[in-house]
Protein backbone atom coordinates (compact mmCIF):
# COMPACT_ATOMS: atom_id res chain seq x y z
CA UNK A 1 0.00 0.00 0.00
CA UNK A 2 1.26 3.47 -0.81
CA UNK A 3 2.15 5.95 1.91
CA UNK A 4 1.32 8.81 -0.46
CA UNK A 5 -2.04 10.40 0.27
CA UNK A 6 -3.75 13.12 -1.74
CA UNK A 7 -6.33 15.37 -0.13
CA UNK A 8 -8.96 17.13 -2.17
CA UNK A 9 -11.49 19.72 -1.17
CA UNK A 10 -14.56 19.37 -3.37
CA UNK A 11 -17.43 21.81 -3.79
CA UNK A 12 -20.49 20.62 -5.69
CA UNK A 13 -23.87 21.95 -6.73
CA UNK A 14 -26.85 19.66 -7.14
CA UNK A 15 -29.67 19.92 -9.65
CA UNK A 16 -32.14 18.33 -7.23
CA UNK A 17 -32.61 18.83 -3.49
CA UNK A 18 -30.30 16.69 -1.34
CA UNK A 19 -31.20 15.69 2.20
CA UNK A 20 -28.77 13.86 4.42
CA UNK A 21 -30.40 13.13 7.77
CA UNK A 22 -28.87 12.00 11.03
CA UNK A 23 -30.77 8.71 11.15
CA UNK A 24 -34.22 7.26 11.50
CA UNK A 25 -36.85 6.87 8.82
CA UNK A 26 -40.25 8.44 8.43
CA UNK A 27 -42.80 8.34 5.65
CA UNK A 28 -43.92 11.75 4.54
CA UNK A 29 -42.28 14.93 5.68
CA UNK A 30 -38.70 14.97 6.88
CA UNK A 31 -38.24 15.45 10.64
CA UNK A 32 -34.66 14.30 11.12
CA UNK A 33 -32.05 16.90 11.82
CA UNK A 34 -29.68 17.77 8.99
CA UNK A 35 -26.04 16.70 9.24
CA UNK A 36 -23.94 19.82 9.88
CA UNK A 37 -20.30 20.62 10.53
CA UNK A 38 -20.01 20.94 14.32
CA UNK A 39 -17.88 24.10 14.15
CA UNK A 40 -19.29 26.10 11.22
CA UNK A 41 -22.84 24.67 11.37
CA UNK A 42 -22.76 24.40 7.56
CA UNK A 43 -24.73 21.41 6.17
CA UNK A 44 -22.41 18.68 4.92
CA UNK A 45 -22.50 15.33 3.15
CA UNK A 46 -20.50 12.72 5.11
CA UNK A 47 -17.98 10.60 3.25
CA UNK A 48 -19.94 7.47 4.20
CA UNK A 49 -22.95 8.81 2.26
CA UNK A 50 -20.80 9.47 -0.81
CA UNK A 51 -19.22 6.02 -0.49
CA UNK A 52 -22.66 4.39 -0.36
CA UNK A 53 -23.85 6.24 -3.45
CA UNK A 54 -20.65 5.36 -5.32
CA UNK A 55 -20.92 1.68 -4.29
CA UNK A 56 -24.53 1.54 -5.53
CA UNK A 57 -23.65 3.24 -8.84
CA UNK A 58 -20.73 0.86 -9.51
CA UNK A 59 -22.91 -2.16 -8.70
CA UNK A 60 -25.56 -0.96 -11.17
CA UNK A 61 -22.93 -0.48 -13.87
CA UNK A 62 -21.35 -3.88 -13.29
CA UNK A 63 -24.66 -5.78 -13.23
CA UNK A 64 -25.94 -3.94 -16.32
CA UNK A 65 -22.89 -5.19 -18.26
CA UNK A 66 -23.39 -8.79 -17.07
CA UNK A 67 -26.91 -9.05 -18.49
């Protein structure tokens, strides 16, 4: 494994509303609190959420090529 690590700061804009809650599930309106940076209080998307989306996308691509 390489000891070289690259860090990137990424800013993105979405075309649709994005909601990352702190847990729980409700049908209908959203009542979970929004994930925020503890210092700046700015809403954020955790890396685990991005990893889950990426994992799902890759799985869809792989399985679509198998069929």
